[in-house]
């Protein structure tokens, strides 16, 4: 049986929700790609809150340091489309009479 070698530094990484196993994968990709490959991350939490994501404060600082070292940071202070849509659906449901068809 032959083994297939995959260079994970060349693959895109998509993490929707960060749970502990995914955090290890995120840390690994940040470390592997640091100063070698591009990495784009979107987050809805400021760096100051990343201590809640990584299990170790030193890991948090190292991850942020590697990410911002050569980074271009785009901070977008706009309302989330998904949040706006969810709030709209909730308001519509609250305003609709209970016996009316959906």
PDB file of N, CA and C in Angstrom:
ATOM      1  N   UNK A   1       0.838  -1.160   0.000  1.00  0.00           N
ATOM      2  CA  UNK A   1       0.000   0.000   0.000  1.00  0.00           C
ATOM      3  C   UNK A   1       0.898   1.244   0.000  1.00  0.00           C
ATOM      4  N   UNK A   2       0.603   2.171  -0.884  1.00  0.00           N
ATOM      5  CA  UNK A   2       1.411   3.385  -0.971  1.00  0.00           C
ATOM      6  C   UNK A   2       0.807   4.491  -0.121  1.00  0.00           C
ATOM      7  N   UNK A   3       1.678   5.354   0.389  1.00  0.00           N
ATOM      8  CA  UNK A   3       1.225   6.487   1.184  1.00  0.00           C
ATOM      9  C   UNK A   3       1.158   7.720   0.300  1.00  0.00           C
ATOM     10  N   UNK A   4       0.195   8.546   0.567  1.00  0.00           N
ATOM     11  CA  UNK A   4       0.069   9.807  -0.151  1.00  0.00           C
ATOM     12  C   UNK A   4       0.494  10.906   0.806  1.00  0.00           C
ATOM     13  N   UNK A   5       1.446  11.698   0.376  1.00  0.00           N
ATOM     14  CA  UNK A   5       1.926  12.803   1.192  1.00  0.00           C
ATOM     15  C   UNK A   5       1.192  14.076   0.786  1.00  0.00           C
ATOM     16  N   UNK A   6       0.667  14.774   1.752  1.00  0.00           N
ATOM     17  CA  UNK A   6      -0.070  16.011   1.494  1.00  0.00           C
ATOM     18  C   UNK A   6       0.623  17.148   2.218  1.00  0.00           C
ATOM     19  N   UNK A   7       0.950  18.190   1.484  1.00  0.00           N
ATOM     20  CA  UNK A   7       1.537  19.389   2.082  1.00  0.00           C
ATOM     21  C   UNK A   7       0.392  20.267   2.553  1.00  0.00           C
ATOM     22  N   UNK A   8       0.079  20.206   3.862  1.00  0.00           N
ATOM     23  CA  UNK A   8      -1.065  20.965   4.371  1.00  0.00           C
ATOM     24  C   UNK A   8      -0.856  22.466   4.263  1.00  0.00           C
ATOM     25  N   UNK A   9       0.359  22.918   4.103  1.00  0.00           N
ATOM     26  CA  UNK A   9       0.607  24.359   3.959  1.00  0.00           C
ATOM     27  C   UNK A   9       0.064  24.873   2.639  1.00  0.00           C
ATOM     28  N   UNK A  10      -0.246  23.987   1.698  1.00  0.00           N
ATOM     29  CA  UNK A  10      -0.775  24.404   0.406  1.00  0.00           C
ATOM     30  C   UNK A  10      -2.289  24.299   0.323  1.00  0.00           C
ATOM     31  N   UNK A  11      -2.914  23.741   1.330  1.00  0.00           N
ATOM     32  CA  UNK A  11      -4.352  23.556   1.314  1.00  0.00           C
ATOM     33  C   UNK A  11      -5.050  24.684   2.056  1.00  0.00           C
ATOM     34  N   UNK A  12      -6.237  25.054   1.599  1.00  0.00           N
ATOM     35  CA  UNK A  12      -6.989  26.055   2.368  1.00  0.00           C
ATOM     36  C   UNK A  12      -7.520  25.430   3.648  1.00  0.00           C
ATOM     37  N   UNK A  13      -7.610  26.218   4.670  1.00  0.00           N
ATOM     38  CA  UNK A  13      -8.135  25.753   5.952  1.00  0.00           C
ATOM     39  C   UNK A  13      -9.398  26.543   6.244  1.00  0.00           C
ATOM     40  N   UNK A  14     -10.489  25.841   6.423  1.00  0.00           N
ATOM     41  CA  UNK A  14     -11.757  26.488   6.746  1.00  0.00           C
ATOM     42  C   UNK A  14     -12.247  25.950   8.083  1.00  0.00           C
ATOM     43  N   UNK A  15     -12.366  26.825   9.040  1.00  0.00           N
ATOM     44  CA  UNK A  15     -12.880  26.447  10.356  1.00  0.00           C
ATOM     45  C   UNK A  15     -14.069  27.338  10.650  1.00  0.00           C
ATOM     46  N   UNK A  16     -15.215  26.735  10.803  1.00  0.00           N
ATOM     47  CA  UNK A  16     -16.409  27.537  11.062  1.00  0.00           C
ATOM     48  C   UNK A  16     -16.535  27.853  12.549  1.00  0.00           C
ATOM     49  N   UNK A  17     -16.449  26.841  13.366  1.00  0.00           N
ATOM     50  CA  UNK A  17     -16.518  27.047  14.803  1.00  0.00           C
ATOM     51  C   UNK A  17     -15.264  26.455  15.425  1.00  0.00           C
ATOM     52  N   UNK A  18     -14.609  27.220  16.252  1.00  0.00           N
ATOM     53  CA  UNK A  18     -13.378  26.741  16.866  1.00  0.00           C
ATOM     54  C   UNK A  18     -13.672  25.940  18.121  1.00  0.00           C
ATOM     55  N   UNK A  19     -13.418  24.675  18.035  1.00  0.00           N
ATOM     56  CA  UNK A  19     -13.473  23.792  19.191  1.00  0.00           C
ATOM     57  C   UNK A  19     -12.038  23.332  19.433  1.00  0.00           C
ATOM     58  N   UNK A  20     -11.776  22.683  20.557  1.00  0.00           N
ATOM     59  CA  UNK A  20     -10.408  22.360  20.946  1.00  0.00           C
ATOM     60  C   UNK A  20      -9.591  21.655  19.860  1.00  0.00           C
ATOM     61  N   UNK A  21     -10.086  20.583  19.185  1.00  0.00           N
ATOM     62  CA  UNK A  21      -9.265  19.967  18.132  1.00  0.00           C
ATOM     63  C   UNK A  21      -8.966  20.940  16.985  1.00  0.00           C
ATOM     64  N   UNK A  22      -9.931  21.772  16.631  1.00  0.00           N
ATOM     65  CA  UNK A  22      -9.725  22.742  15.550  1.00  0.00           C
ATOM     66  C   UNK A  22      -8.713  23.803  15.940  1.00  0.00           C
ATOM     67  N   UNK A  23      -8.657  24.145  17.217  1.00  0.00           N
ATOM     68  CA  UNK A  23      -7.692  25.142  17.685  1.00  0.00           C
ATOM     69  C   UNK A  23      -6.277  24.626  17.487  1.00  0.00           C
ATOM     70  N   UNK A  24      -6.070  23.341  17.777  1.00  0.00           N
ATOM     71  CA  UNK A  24      -4.755  22.739  17.532  1.00  0.00           C
ATOM     72  C   UNK A  24      -4.395  22.784  16.064  1.00  0.00           C
ATOM     73  N   UNK A  25      -5.353  22.534  15.205  1.00  0.00           N
ATOM     74  CA  UNK A  25      -5.126  22.587  13.753  1.00  0.00           C
ATOM     75  C   UNK A  25      -4.838  24.019  13.313  1.00  0.00           C
ATOM     76  N   UNK A  26      -5.582  24.969  13.883  1.00  0.00           N
ATOM     77  CA  UNK A  26      -5.345  26.378  13.556  1.00  0.00           C
ATOM     78  C   UNK A  26      -3.932  26.779  13.972  1.00  0.00           C
ATOM     79  N   UNK A  27      -3.535  26.417  15.200  1.00  0.00           N
ATOM     80  CA  UNK A  27      -2.191  26.744  15.672  1.00  0.00           C
ATOM     81  C   UNK A  27      -1.140  26.121  14.770  1.00  0.00           C
ATOM     82  N   UNK A  28      -1.337  24.869  14.384  1.00  0.00           N
ATOM     83  CA  UNK A  28      -0.385  24.174  13.516  1.00  0.00           C
ATOM     84  C   UNK A  28      -0.259  24.898  12.173  1.00  0.00           C
ATOM     85  N   UNK A  29      -1.368  25.297  11.595  1.00  0.00           N
ATOM     86  CA  UNK A  29      -1.309  25.987  10.306  1.00  0.00           C
ATOM     87  C   UNK A  29      -0.665  27.368  10.428  1.00  0.00           C
ATOM     88  N   UNK A  30      -0.938  28.073  11.513  1.00  0.00           N
ATOM     89  CA  UNK A  30      -0.295  29.377  11.710  1.00  0.00           C
ATOM     90  C   UNK A  30       1.214  29.186  11.796  1.00  0.00           C
ATOM     91  N   UNK A  31       1.645  28.196  12.566  1.00  0.00           N
ATOM     92  CA  UNK A  31       3.074  27.945  12.736  1.00  0.00           C
ATOM     93  C   UNK A  31       3.733  27.500  11.428  1.00  0.00           C
ATOM     94  N   UNK A  32       3.064  26.623  10.680  1.00  0.00           N
ATOM     95  CA  UNK A  32       3.632  26.111   9.427  1.00  0.00           C
ATOM     96  C   UNK A  32       3.714  27.207   8.367  1.00  0.00           C
ATOM     97  N   UNK A  33       2.699  28.030   8.302  1.00  0.00           N
ATOM     98  CA  UNK A  33       2.649  29.052   7.248  1.00  0.00           C
ATOM     99  C   UNK A  33       3.422  30.321   7.593  1.00  0.00           C
ATOM    100  N   UNK A  34       3.782  30.511   8.844  1.00  0.00           N
ATOM    101  CA  UNK A  34       4.458  31.739   9.264  1.00  0.00           C
ATOM    102  C   UNK A  34       5.703  31.984   8.411  1.00  0.00           C
ATOM    103  N   UNK A  35       5.733  33.114   7.743  1.00  0.00           N
ATOM    104  CA  UNK A  35       6.810  33.569   6.863  1.00  0.00           C
ATOM    105  C   UNK A  35       7.071  32.632   5.678  1.00  0.00           C
ATOM    106  N   UNK A  36       6.139  31.730   5.377  1.00  0.00           N
ATOM    107  CA  UNK A  36       6.296  30.837   4.224  1.00  0.00           C
ATOM    108  C   UNK A  36       5.146  30.941   3.233  1.00  0.00           C
ATOM    109  N   UNK A  37       3.942  31.067   3.739  1.00  0.00           N
ATOM    110  CA  UNK A  37       2.735  31.070   2.916  1.00  0.00           C
ATOM    111  C   UNK A  37       1.787  32.155   3.409  1.00  0.00           C
ATOM    112  N   UNK A  38       0.844  32.475   2.554  1.00  0.00           N
ATOM    113  CA  UNK A  38      -0.192  33.430   2.942  1.00  0.00           C
ATOM    114  C   UNK A  38      -1.225  32.744   3.826  1.00  0.00           C
ATOM    115  N   UNK A  39      -1.845  33.532   4.660  1.00  0.00           N
ATOM    116  CA  UNK A  39      -2.894  33.024   5.526  1.00  0.00           C
ATOM    117  C   UNK A  39      -3.898  34.147   5.713  1.00  0.00           C
ATOM    118  N   UNK A  40      -5.160  33.837   5.478  1.00  0.00           N
ATOM    119  CA  UNK A  40      -6.213  34.836   5.668  1.00  0.00           C
ATOM    120  C   UNK A  40      -7.177  34.311   6.720  1.00  0.00           C
ATOM    121  N   UNK A  41      -7.434  35.119   7.701  1.00  0.00           N
ATOM    122  CA  UNK A  41      -8.324  34.737   8.790  1.00  0.00           C
ATOM    123  C   UNK A  41      -9.389  35.809   8.939  1.00  0.00           C
ATOM    124  N   UNK A  42     -10.620  35.363   9.094  1.00  0.00           N
ATOM    125  CA  UNK A  42     -11.692  36.291   9.451  1.00  0.00           C
ATOM    126  C   UNK A  42     -12.155  35.891  10.839  1.00  0.00           C
ATOM    127  N   UNK A  43     -12.464  36.869  11.647  1.00  0.00           N
ATOM    128  CA  UNK A  43     -12.894  36.597  13.016  1.00  0.00           C
ATOM    129  C   UNK A  43     -13.901  37.645  13.438  1.00  0.00           C
ATOM    130  N   UNK A  44     -14.795  37.243  14.293  1.00  0.00           N
ATOM    131  CA  UNK A  44     -15.756  38.215  14.811  1.00  0.00           C
ATOM    132  C   UNK A  44     -15.406  38.637  16.237  1.00  0.00           C
ATOM    133  N   UNK A  45     -14.204  38.280  16.672  1.00  0.00           N
ATOM    134  CA  UNK A  45     -13.723  38.657  17.993  1.00  0.00           C
ATOM    135  C   UNK A  45     -12.417  39.445  17.858  1.00  0.00           C
ATOM    136  N   UNK A  46     -12.249  40.509  18.628  1.00  0.00           N
ATOM    137  CA  UNK A  46     -10.977  41.245  18.592  1.00  0.00           C
ATOM    138  C   UNK A  46      -9.863  40.401  19.209  1.00  0.00           C
ATOM    139  N   UNK A  47      -8.625  40.732  18.898  1.00  0.00           N
ATOM    140  CA  UNK A  47      -7.489  39.982  19.432  1.00  0.00           C
ATOM    141  C   UNK A  47      -7.527  39.893  20.959  1.00  0.00           C
ATOM    142  N   UNK A  48      -8.022  40.917  21.605  1.00  0.00           N
ATOM    143  CA  UNK A  48      -8.090  40.921  23.068  1.00  0.00           C
ATOM    144  C   UNK A  48      -8.938  39.799  23.640  1.00  0.00           C
ATOM    145  N   UNK A  49      -9.855  39.263  22.843  1.00  0.00           N
ATOM    146  CA  UNK A  49     -10.721  38.168  23.299  1.00  0.00           C
ATOM    147  C   UNK A  49     -10.206  36.795  22.882  1.00  0.00           C
ATOM    148  N   UNK A  50      -9.085  36.725  22.190  1.00  0.00           N
ATOM    149  CA  UNK A  50      -8.587  35.438  21.716  1.00  0.00           C
ATOM    150  C   UNK A  50      -8.079  34.554  22.846  1.00  0.00           C
ATOM    151  N   UNK A  51      -7.863  35.113  24.018  1.00  0.00           N
ATOM    152  CA  UNK A  51      -7.479  34.300  25.162  1.00  0.00           C
ATOM    153  C   UNK A  51      -8.558  33.299  25.536  1.00  0.00           C
ATOM    154  N   UNK A  52      -9.793  33.572  25.132  1.00  0.00           N
ATOM    155  CA  UNK A  52     -10.904  32.657  25.374  1.00  0.00           C
ATOM    156  C   UNK A  52     -10.904  31.510  24.365  1.00  0.00           C
ATOM    157  N   UNK A  53     -10.176  31.671  23.261  1.00  0.00           N
ATOM    158  CA  UNK A  53     -10.162  30.670  22.199  1.00  0.00           C
ATOM    159  C   UNK A  53      -9.050  29.655  22.418  1.00  0.00           C
ATOM    160  N   UNK A  54      -7.839  30.149  22.639  1.00  0.00           N
ATOM    161  CA  UNK A  54      -6.688  29.264  22.840  1.00  0.00           C
ATOM    162  C   UNK A  54      -6.604  28.856  24.301  1.00  0.00           C
ATOM    163  N   UNK A  55      -6.226  27.610  24.581  1.00  0.00           N
ATOM    164  CA  UNK A  55      -6.214  27.125  25.962  1.00  0.00           C
ATOM    165  C   UNK A  55      -5.057  27.665  26.809  1.00  0.00           C
ATOM    166  N   UNK A  56      -4.060  28.255  26.178  1.00  0.00           N
ATOM    167  CA  UNK A  56      -2.856  28.675  26.890  1.00  0.00           C
ATOM    168  C   UNK A  56      -2.545  30.123  26.517  1.00  0.00           C
ATOM    169  N   UNK A  57      -2.320  31.001  27.492  1.00  0.00           N
ATOM    170  CA  UNK A  57      -2.015  32.404  27.191  1.00  0.00           C
ATOM    171  C   UNK A  57      -0.776  32.569  26.306  1.00  0.00           C
ATOM    172  N   UNK A  58       0.250  31.737  26.514  1.00  0.00           N
ATOM    173  CA  UNK A  58       1.465  31.836  25.693  1.00  0.00           C
ATOM    174  C   UNK A  58       1.161  31.485  24.234  1.00  0.00           C
ATOM    175  N   UNK A  59       0.293  30.491  24.029  1.00  0.00           N
ATOM    176  CA  UNK A  59      -0.101  30.110  22.675  1.00  0.00           C
ATOM    177  C   UNK A  59      -0.892  31.234  22.010  1.00  0.00           C
ATOM    178  N   UNK A  60      -1.725  31.897  22.783  1.00  0.00           N
ATOM    179  CA  UNK A  60      -2.512  33.011  22.264  1.00  0.00           C
ATOM    180  C   UNK A  60      -1.597  34.129  21.784  1.00  0.00           C
ATOM    181  N   UNK A  61      -0.661  34.518  22.627  1.00  0.00           N
ATOM    182  CA  UNK A  61       0.273  35.602  22.278  1.00  0.00           C
ATOM    183  C   UNK A  61       1.109  35.215  21.061  1.00  0.00           C
ATOM    184  N   UNK A  62       1.594  33.976  21.019  1.00  0.00           N
ATOM    185  CA  UNK A  62       2.416  33.531  19.889  1.00  0.00           C
ATOM    186  C   UNK A  62       1.616  33.515  18.592  1.00  0.00           C
ATOM    187  N   UNK A  63       0.379  33.064  18.654  1.00  0.00           N
ATOM    188  CA  UNK A  63      -0.456  33.023  17.450  1.00  0.00           C
ATOM    189  C   UNK A  63      -0.704  34.434  16.929  1.00  0.00           C
ATOM    190  N   UNK A  64      -1.094  35.335  17.814  1.00  0.00           N
ATOM    191  CA  UNK A  64      -1.359  36.719  17.397  1.00  0.00           C
ATOM    192  C   UNK A  64      -0.090  37.365  16.870  1.00  0.00           C
ATOM    193  N   UNK A  65       1.029  37.144  17.539  1.00  0.00           N
ATOM    194  CA  UNK A  65       2.308  37.707  17.098  1.00  0.00           C
ATOM    195  C   UNK A  65       2.646  37.254  15.683  1.00  0.00           C
ATOM    196  N   UNK A  66       2.492  35.974  15.406  1.00  0.00           N
ATOM    197  CA  UNK A  66       2.800  35.456  14.071  1.00  0.00           C
ATOM    198  C   UNK A  66       1.822  35.979  13.031  1.00  0.00           C
ATOM    199  N   UNK A  67       0.569  36.129  13.412  1.00  0.00           N
ATOM    200  CA  UNK A  67      -0.434  36.602  12.457  1.00  0.00           C
ATOM    201  C   UNK A  67      -0.233  38.069  12.080  1.00  0.00           C
ATOM    202  N   UNK A  68       0.129  38.901  13.045  1.00  0.00           N
ATOM    203  CA  UNK A  68       0.202  40.336  12.760  1.00  0.00           C
ATOM    204  C   UNK A  68       1.584  40.806  12.323  1.00  0.00           C
ATOM    205  N   UNK A  69       2.602  39.946  12.405  1.00  0.00           N
ATOM    206  CA  UNK A  69       3.970  40.345  12.092  1.00  0.00           C
ATOM    207  C   UNK A  69       4.100  40.969  10.700  1.00  0.00           C
ATOM    208  N   UNK A  70       3.594  40.329   9.677  1.00  0.00           N
ATOM    209  CA  UNK A  70       3.643  40.872   8.313  1.00  0.00           C
ATOM    210  C   UNK A  70       2.236  41.119   7.778  1.00  0.00           C
ATOM    211  N   UNK A  71       1.293  41.375   8.658  1.00  0.00           N
ATOM    212  CA  UNK A  71      -0.118  41.394   8.266  1.00  0.00           C
ATOM    213  C   UNK A  71      -0.591  42.735   7.750  1.00  0.00           C
ATOM    214  N   UNK A  72      -1.604  42.640   6.935  1.00  0.00           N
ATOM    215  CA  UNK A  72      -2.444  43.773   6.612  1.00  0.00           C
ATOM    216  C   UNK A  72      -3.781  43.446   7.255  1.00  0.00           C
ATOM    217  N   UNK A  73      -4.214  44.278   8.184  1.00  0.00           N
ATOM    218  CA  UNK A  73      -5.434  44.012   8.923  1.00  0.00           C
ATOM    219  C   UNK A  73      -6.532  44.940   8.430  1.00  0.00           C
ATOM    220  N   UNK A  74      -7.643  44.340   8.045  1.00  0.00           N
ATOM    221  CA  UNK A  74      -8.828  45.084   7.637  1.00  0.00           C
ATOM    222  C   UNK A  74      -9.864  44.928   8.737  1.00  0.00           C
ATOM    223  N   UNK A  75     -10.158  46.005   9.429  1.00  0.00           N
ATOM    224  CA  UNK A  75     -11.172  45.954  10.470  1.00  0.00           C
ATOM    225  C   UNK A  75     -12.452  46.534   9.909  1.00  0.00           C
ATOM    226  N   UNK A  76     -13.462  45.721   9.903  1.00  0.00           N
ATOM    227  CA  UNK A  76     -14.743  46.135   9.326  1.00  0.00           C
ATOM    228  C   UNK A  76     -15.772  46.220  10.441  1.00  0.00           C
ATOM    229  N   UNK A  77     -16.119  47.411  10.804  1.00  0.00           N
ATOM    230  CA  UNK A  77     -17.104  47.616  11.865  1.00  0.00           C
ATOM    231  C   UNK A  77     -18.479  47.825  11.245  1.00  0.00           C
ATOM    232  N   UNK A  78     -19.018  46.747  10.723  1.00  0.00           N
ATOM    233  CA  UNK A  78     -20.341  46.781  10.110  1.00  0.00           C
ATOM    234  C   UNK A  78     -21.202  45.697  10.743  1.00  0.00           C
ATOM    235  N   UNK A  79     -22.499  45.863  10.616  1.00  0.00           N
ATOM    236  CA  UNK A  79     -23.415  44.862  11.152  1.00  0.00           C
ATOM    237  C   UNK A  79     -23.325  43.580  10.334  1.00  0.00           C
ATOM    238  N   UNK A  80     -23.356  42.473  11.010  1.00  0.00           N
ATOM    239  CA  UNK A  80     -23.305  41.173  10.368  1.00  0.00           C
ATOM    240  C   UNK A  80     -24.576  40.938   9.562  1.00  0.00           C
ATOM    241  N   UNK A  81     -24.423  40.470   8.332  1.00  0.00           N
ATOM    242  CA  UNK A  81     -25.570  40.150   7.486  1.00  0.00           C
ATOM    243  C   UNK A  81     -26.412  39.049   8.129  1.00  0.00           C
ATOM    244  N   UNK A  82     -25.743  38.008   8.646  1.00  0.00           N
ATOM    245  CA  UNK A  82     -26.483  36.897   9.261  1.00  0.00           C
ATOM    246  C   UNK A  82     -27.249  37.362  10.498  1.00  0.00           C
ATOM    247  N   UNK A  83     -26.630  38.223  11.292  1.00  0.00           N
ATOM    248  CA  UNK A  83     -27.319  38.722  12.493  1.00  0.00           C
ATOM    249  C   UNK A  83     -28.517  39.572  12.104  1.00  0.00           C
ATOM    250  N   UNK A  84     -28.326  40.460  11.135  1.00  0.00           N
ATOM    251  CA  UNK A  84     -29.406  41.334  10.690  1.00  0.00           C
ATOM    252  C   UNK A  84     -30.581  40.509  10.160  1.00  0.00           C
ATOM    253  N   UNK A  85     -30.295  39.468   9.395  1.00  0.00           N
ATOM    254  CA  UNK A  85     -31.336  38.607   8.844  1.00  0.00           C
ATOM    255  C   UNK A  85     -32.063  37.851   9.954  1.00  0.00           C
ATOM    256  N   UNK A  86     -31.309  37.332  10.925  1.00  0.00           N
ATOM    257  CA  UNK A  86     -31.917  36.595  12.030  1.00  0.00           C
ATOM    258  C   UNK A  86     -32.828  37.496  12.863  1.00  0.00           C
ATOM    259  N   UNK A  87     -32.391  38.714  13.142  1.00  0.00           N
ATOM    260  CA  UNK A  87     -33.202  39.655  13.910  1.00  0.00           C
ATOM    261  C   UNK A  87     -34.471  39.994  13.132  1.00  0.00           C
ATOM    262  N   UNK A  88     -34.332  40.186  11.823  1.00  0.00           N
ATOM    263  CA  UNK A  88     -35.499  40.479  10.986  1.00  0.00           C
ATOM    264  C   UNK A  88     -36.513  39.346  11.003  1.00  0.00           C
ATOM    265  N   UNK A  89     -36.031  38.108  10.925  1.00  0.00           N
ATOM    266  CA  UNK A  89     -36.941  36.951  10.970  1.00  0.00           C
ATOM    267  C   UNK A  89     -37.639  36.866  12.319  1.00  0.00           C
ATOM    268  N   UNK A  90     -36.896  37.130  13.388  1.00  0.00           N
ATOM    269  CA  UNK A  90     -37.479  37.062  14.731  1.00  0.00           C
ATOM    270  C   UNK A  90     -38.560  38.124  14.900  1.00  0.00           C
ATOM    271  N   UNK A  91     -38.278  39.341  14.462  1.00  0.00           N
ATOM    272  CA  UNK A  91     -39.269  40.413  14.566  1.00  0.00           C
ATOM    273  C   UNK A  91     -40.510  40.102  13.747  1.00  0.00           C
ATOM    274  N   UNK A  92     -40.315  39.568  12.560  1.00  0.00           N
ATOM    275  CA  UNK A  92     -41.441  39.213  11.697  1.00  0.00           C
ATOM    276  C   UNK A  92     -42.298  38.153  12.354  1.00  0.00           C
ATOM    277  N   UNK A  93     -41.671  37.158  12.975  1.00  0.00           N
ATOM    278  CA  UNK A  93     -42.419  36.092  13.660  1.00  0.00           C
ATOM    279  C   UNK A  93     -43.165  36.637  14.860  1.00  0.00           C
ATOM    280  N   UNK A  94     -42.572  37.574  15.582  1.00  0.00           N
ATOM    281  CA  UNK A  94     -43.241  38.155  16.754  1.00  0.00           C
ATOM    282  C   UNK A  94     -44.433  39.013  16.363  1.00  0.00           C
ATOM    283  N   UNK A  95     -44.361  39.682  15.229  1.00  0.00           N
ATOM    284  CA  UNK A  95     -45.432  40.557  14.789  1.00  0.00           C
ATOM    285  C   UNK A  95     -46.573  39.794  14.118  1.00  0.00           C
ATOM    286  N   UNK A  96     -46.305  38.606  13.663  1.00  0.00           N
ATOM    287  CA  UNK A  96     -47.314  37.812  12.958  1.00  0.00           C
ATOM    288  C   UNK A  96     -48.244  37.161  13.974  1.00  0.00           C
ATOM    289  N   UNK A  97     -49.566  37.267  13.764  1.00  0.00           N
ATOM    290  CA  UNK A  97     -50.516  36.613  14.683  1.00  0.00           C
ATOM    291  C   UNK A  97     -50.286  35.104  14.722  1.00  0.00           C
ATOM    292  N   UNK A  98     -50.560  34.503  15.873  1.00  0.00           N
ATOM    293  CA  UNK A  98     -50.301  33.072  16.062  1.00  0.00           C
ATOM    294  C   UNK A  98     -51.117  32.204  15.115  1.00  0.00           C
ATOM    295  N   UNK A  99     -52.339  32.630  14.733  1.00  0.00           N
ATOM    296  CA  UNK A  99     -53.171  31.816  13.859  1.00  0.00           C
ATOM    297  C   UNK A  99     -52.951  32.080  12.370  1.00  0.00           C
ATOM    298  N   UNK A 100     -52.100  33.031  12.024  1.00  0.00           N
ATOM    299  CA  UNK A 100     -51.841  33.348  10.620  1.00  0.00           C
ATOM    300  C   UNK A 100     -50.863  32.333  10.035  1.00  0.00           C
ATOM    301  N   UNK A 101     -51.051  31.985   8.737  1.00  0.00           N
ATOM    302  CA  UNK A 101     -50.081  31.064   8.089  1.00  0.00           C
ATOM    303  C   UNK A 101     -48.721  31.723   7.957  1.00  0.00           C
ATOM    304  N   UNK A 102     -47.684  30.913   8.019  1.00  0.00           N
ATOM    305  CA  UNK A 102     -46.316  31.438   7.950  1.00  0.00           C
ATOM    306  C   UNK A 102     -45.933  31.865   6.562  1.00  0.00           C
TER     307      UNK A 102
END
